[in-house]
């Protein structure tokens, strides 16, 4: 109940800041890019299951897929490839995975919505070391990271962290499953913005890049890089 109350006040402010200041992208632009990226990863996974992992490796090496998620995806691919088709075998693990990918592709090409939005103040994946770091969760849409545990709820402290350390934005995009009763496909994308961009207003469509950090809970910790920092209470 308390978190829902916080979200009622905090989430609209977070959403406004993300779209107008941090990313400078509206909801439709985020969804359009997410859909294209999700389809590209689906294609690359299919290629890897058929024996050519080059497209998936290249996507990861470009920075478009987080390393932990790439490793988890390759583990799934290897599990499917362990079972070579035997003569007379009607279905094997790889074929089951390819069939599932085809079903997921239907969802990816269908209805898409922004399921969740989280602003991580003071933390960027490539510049984050959890040792000696603290995290404060303010509702479900705001996380504040700092080396100091006190005062993280204060607006002036958050503003200072934004300008000094920048921020990250995680957008979880849901693709509606056409199958009756099946859960939506959930893809989490993350963008980082440094403090200089926030000050100069340089963040725009050309400057903003996203990395896919999670697919349907496959990535360790759901792709939440701040999870290892010590959590502090709001009170």
Protein backbone atom coordinates (compact mmCIF):
# COMPACT_ATOMS: atom_id res chain seq x y z
CA UNK A 1 0.00 0.00 0.00
CA UNK A 2 2.80 2.42 0.91
CA UNK A 3 4.65 1.69 -2.32
CA UNK A 4 1.48 2.30 -4.35
CA UNK A 5 1.05 5.62 -2.59
CA UNK A 6 4.64 6.60 -3.37
CA UNK A 7 4.19 5.55 -6.98
CA UNK A 8 1.12 7.75 -7.28
CA UNK A 9 3.28 10.81 -6.61
CA UNK A 10 6.70 9.73 -7.88
CA UNK A 11 5.96 7.83 -11.10
CA UNK A 12 4.46 10.79 -13.02
CA UNK A 13 7.53 12.89 -12.16
CA UNK A 14 9.89 10.11 -13.21
CA UNK A 15 8.02 9.58 -16.48
CA UNK A 16 8.11 13.30 -17.28
CA UNK A 17 11.84 13.56 -16.49
CA UNK A 18 12.72 10.48 -18.56
CA UNK A 19 10.84 11.55 -21.69
CA UNK A 20 11.61 15.28 -21.58
CA UNK A 21 15.09 15.47 -20.08
CA UNK A 22 16.96 12.16 -19.80
CA UNK A 23 16.08 10.38 -23.05
CA UNK A 24 14.25 13.07 -25.00
CA UNK A 25 12.26 10.31 -26.63
CA UNK A 26 8.51 9.89 -26.45
CA UNK A 27 6.75 6.62 -25.73
CA UNK A 28 6.14 5.82 -29.40
CA UNK A 29 9.81 6.26 -30.31
CA UNK A 30 10.89 3.94 -27.50
CA UNK A 31 8.37 1.28 -28.50
CA UNK A 32 9.28 1.50 -32.19
CA UNK A 33 12.98 1.00 -31.44
CA UNK A 34 12.29 -1.77 -28.92
CA UNK A 35 10.19 -3.71 -31.40
CA UNK A 36 12.87 -3.59 -34.09
CA UNK A 37 15.57 -4.63 -31.62
CA UNK A 38 13.50 -7.50 -30.22
CA UNK A 39 12.84 -8.89 -33.71
CA UNK A 40 16.55 -8.64 -34.55
CA UNK A 41 17.47 -10.65 -31.43
CA UNK A 42 14.79 -13.22 -32.25
CA UNK A 43 16.29 -13.65 -35.72
CA UNK A 44 19.81 -13.95 -34.29
CA UNK A 45 18.68 -16.59 -31.79
CA UNK A 46 17.12 -18.62 -34.57
CA UNK A 47 20.37 -18.43 -36.53
CA UNK A 48 22.36 -19.54 -33.47
CA UNK A 49 20.08 -22.54 -32.91
CA UNK A 50 20.66 -23.54 -36.52
CA UNK A 51 24.42 -23.49 -35.94
CA UNK A 52 25.52 -19.93 -36.78
CA UNK A 53 25.97 -17.78 -33.66
CA UNK A 54 27.72 -14.96 -35.56
CA UNK A 55 24.67 -12.61 -35.71
CA UNK A 56 24.01 -13.00 -31.98
CA UNK A 57 27.70 -12.52 -31.15
CA UNK A 58 27.85 -9.41 -33.32
CA UNK A 59 24.79 -7.90 -31.65
CA UNK A 60 26.38 -8.49 -28.25
CA UNK A 61 29.78 -7.13 -29.32
CA UNK A 62 28.10 -3.97 -30.60
CA UNK A 63 26.83 -3.34 -27.07
CA UNK A 64 23.17 -3.87 -27.96
CA UNK A 65 22.86 -6.95 -25.70
CA UNK A 66 24.26 -7.07 -22.16
CA UNK A 67 27.07 -9.60 -21.64
CA UNK A 68 25.23 -11.49 -18.87
CA UNK A 69 22.12 -11.82 -21.03
CA UNK A 70 24.20 -12.93 -24.01
CA UNK A 71 25.79 -15.65 -21.88
CA UNK A 72 22.36 -16.81 -20.70
CA UNK A 73 21.07 -16.90 -24.28
CA UNK A 74 24.07 -18.92 -25.44
CA UNK A 75 23.46 -21.39 -22.60
CA UNK A 76 19.93 -21.86 -23.95
CA UNK A 77 21.30 -22.36 -27.45
CA UNK A 78 23.79 -24.98 -26.25
CA UNK A 79 21.05 -26.88 -24.44
CA UNK A 80 19.13 -27.08 -27.68
CA UNK A 81 22.16 -28.17 -29.67
CA UNK A 82 23.08 -30.98 -27.28
CA UNK A 83 20.40 -33.13 -28.86
CA UNK A 84 21.18 -33.83 -32.48
CA UNK A 85 18.18 -35.14 -34.41
CA UNK A 86 18.12 -38.92 -34.65
CA UNK A 87 16.59 -40.82 -37.52
CA UNK A 88 12.90 -41.30 -36.83
CA UNK A 89 12.87 -38.73 -34.00
CA UNK A 90 9.79 -36.55 -34.43
CA UNK A 91 10.91 -33.62 -32.28
CA UNK A 92 14.09 -32.65 -30.43
CA UNK A 93 15.09 -29.84 -28.10
CA UNK A 94 16.38 -27.57 -30.87
CA UNK A 95 13.20 -27.93 -32.91
CA UNK A 96 11.13 -27.18 -29.82
CA UNK A 97 13.16 -24.02 -29.22
CA UNK A 98 12.80 -22.95 -32.86
CA UNK A 99 9.07 -23.54 -32.64
CA UNK A 100 8.91 -21.41 -29.49
CA UNK A 101 10.91 -18.64 -31.20
CA UNK A 102 8.42 -18.64 -34.07
CA UNK A 103 5.55 -18.26 -31.59
CA UNK A 104 7.39 -15.46 -29.82
CA UNK A 105 7.94 -13.74 -33.17
CA UNK A 106 4.17 -13.47 -33.55
CA UNK A 107 4.02 -11.58 -30.26
CA UNK A 108 6.95 -9.32 -31.20
CA UNK A 109 5.22 -8.30 -34.41
CA UNK A 110 1.92 -7.59 -32.64
CA UNK A 111 0.71 -5.23 -29.93
CA UNK A 112 3.44 -3.54 -27.88
CA UNK A 113 3.23 -1.39 -24.77
CA UNK A 114 5.56 0.20 -22.22
CA UNK A 115 5.09 -2.04 -19.18
CA UNK A 116 7.49 -0.42 -16.72
CA UNK A 117 9.90 2.49 -16.44
CA UNK A 118 12.65 2.79 -13.81
CA UNK A 119 15.01 5.74 -13.34
CA UNK A 120 18.34 4.92 -11.66
CA UNK A 121 19.82 8.17 -10.36
CA UNK A 122 23.60 8.21 -9.90
CA UNK A 123 24.27 4.85 -11.54
CA UNK A 124 25.43 3.74 -14.98
CA UNK A 125 26.14 0.11 -15.79
CA UNK A 126 29.62 0.62 -17.25
CA UNK A 127 30.68 2.86 -14.36
CA UNK A 128 29.17 0.97 -11.43
CA UNK A 129 31.03 -0.86 -8.68
CA UNK A 130 28.69 -2.15 -5.95
CA UNK A 131 31.47 -2.18 -3.36
CA UNK A 132 30.69 0.55 -0.85
CA UNK A 133 27.57 1.69 -2.74
CA UNK A 134 24.10 2.23 -1.31
CA UNK A 135 20.71 2.10 -2.98
CA UNK A 136 17.42 3.70 -2.01
CA UNK A 137 14.23 2.52 -3.70
CA UNK A 138 11.54 5.17 -3.86
CA UNK A 139 8.45 3.28 -4.90
CA UNK A 140 8.86 1.04 -7.93
CA UNK A 141 10.03 3.62 -10.47
CA UNK A 142 12.98 5.38 -8.81
CA UNK A 143 16.30 4.07 -7.46
CA UNK A 144 18.97 6.39 -6.04
CA UNK A 145 22.60 5.21 -5.85
CA UNK A 146 25.41 6.83 -3.90
CA UNK A 147 28.53 6.15 -1.85
CA UNK A 148 26.79 7.89 1.06
CA UNK A 149 23.66 6.29 2.58
CA UNK A 150 22.10 9.41 4.07
CA UNK A 151 19.83 11.95 2.45
CA UNK A 152 19.16 9.97 -0.72
CA UNK A 153 15.47 10.86 -0.58
CA UNK A 154 16.23 14.59 -0.83
CA UNK A 155 15.66 16.33 -4.16
CA UNK A 156 18.87 18.40 -3.89
CA UNK A 157 20.97 15.27 -3.28
CA UNK A 158 19.37 13.52 -6.24
CA UNK A 159 19.97 16.55 -8.44
CA UNK A 160 23.64 16.64 -7.46
CA UNK A 161 24.01 12.91 -8.20
CA UNK A 162 22.34 13.34 -11.59
CA UNK A 163 24.71 16.11 -12.61
CA UNK A 164 27.82 14.39 -11.25
CA UNK A 165 27.16 10.72 -12.03
CA UNK A 166 24.36 10.78 -14.60
CA UNK A 167 21.61 8.19 -14.64
CA UNK A 168 20.23 5.07 -16.28
CA UNK A 169 16.73 4.38 -17.53
CA UNK A 170 15.26 0.89 -17.79
CA UNK A 171 12.24 0.44 -20.03
CA UNK A 172 10.43 -2.89 -19.87
CA UNK A 173 8.43 -3.42 -23.04
CA UNK A 174 5.61 -5.97 -23.21
CA UNK A 175 4.65 -7.74 -26.42
CA UNK A 176 1.17 -9.23 -26.29
CA UNK A 177 1.09 -13.00 -26.71
CA UNK A 178 -1.53 -14.19 -29.21
CA UNK A 179 -1.89 -17.50 -27.36
CA UNK A 180 -4.78 -17.74 -24.94
CA UNK A 181 -3.58 -17.44 -21.35
CA UNK A 182 0.12 -17.12 -22.27
CA UNK A 183 2.11 -14.38 -20.47
CA UNK A 184 3.35 -11.41 -22.49
CA UNK A 185 6.90 -11.36 -23.81
CA UNK A 186 8.86 -8.92 -21.60
CA UNK A 187 12.04 -7.28 -22.88
CA UNK A 188 13.98 -4.82 -20.71
CA UNK A 189 16.09 -2.14 -22.41
CA UNK A 190 18.47 0.21 -20.66
CA UNK A 191 19.87 3.59 -21.66
CA UNK A 192 22.53 5.61 -19.87
CA UNK A 193 22.91 9.38 -19.78
CA UNK A 194 25.91 11.13 -18.27
CA UNK A 195 25.74 14.33 -16.29
CA UNK A 196 27.20 16.46 -19.07
CA UNK A 197 24.38 15.45 -21.41
CA UNK A 198 21.83 16.42 -18.79
CA UNK A 199 23.46 19.81 -18.32
CA UNK A 200 24.00 20.59 -22.01
CA UNK A 201 20.77 19.05 -23.23
CA UNK A 202 22.77 17.00 -25.71
CA UNK A 203 20.76 13.85 -25.17
CA UNK A 204 18.63 13.27 -28.27
CA UNK A 205 17.71 10.47 -30.63
CA UNK A 206 21.24 10.28 -32.08
CA UNK A 207 23.01 10.34 -28.70
CA UNK A 208 20.82 7.79 -26.93
CA UNK A 209 21.65 4.10 -27.24
CA UNK A 210 19.93 1.17 -25.57
CA UNK A 211 21.18 -2.21 -24.40
CA UNK A 212 18.90 -5.22 -23.99
CA UNK A 213 19.44 -6.37 -20.39
CA UNK A 214 16.72 -8.98 -19.89
CA UNK A 215 14.25 -11.18 -21.73
CA UNK A 216 11.44 -12.78 -19.74
CA UNK A 217 13.54 -12.94 -16.56
CA UNK A 218 16.36 -14.88 -18.23
CA UNK A 219 19.16 -12.53 -17.17
CA UNK A 220 20.55 -12.88 -13.62
CA UNK A 221 18.76 -10.43 -11.35
CA UNK A 222 16.53 -9.32 -14.19
CA UNK A 223 19.35 -7.12 -15.50
CA UNK A 224 19.25 -4.86 -12.45
CA UNK A 225 22.93 -3.97 -12.11
CA UNK A 226 22.35 -2.05 -8.86
CA UNK A 227 21.00 -5.11 -6.99
CA UNK A 228 24.33 -5.75 -5.20
CA UNK A 229 24.48 -2.31 -3.58
CA UNK A 230 23.45 -2.14 0.07
CA UNK A 231 19.82 -1.18 0.42
CA UNK A 232 18.86 1.62 2.79
CA UNK A 233 15.42 2.44 4.15
CA UNK A 234 13.44 5.47 3.09
CA UNK A 235 12.93 6.31 6.78
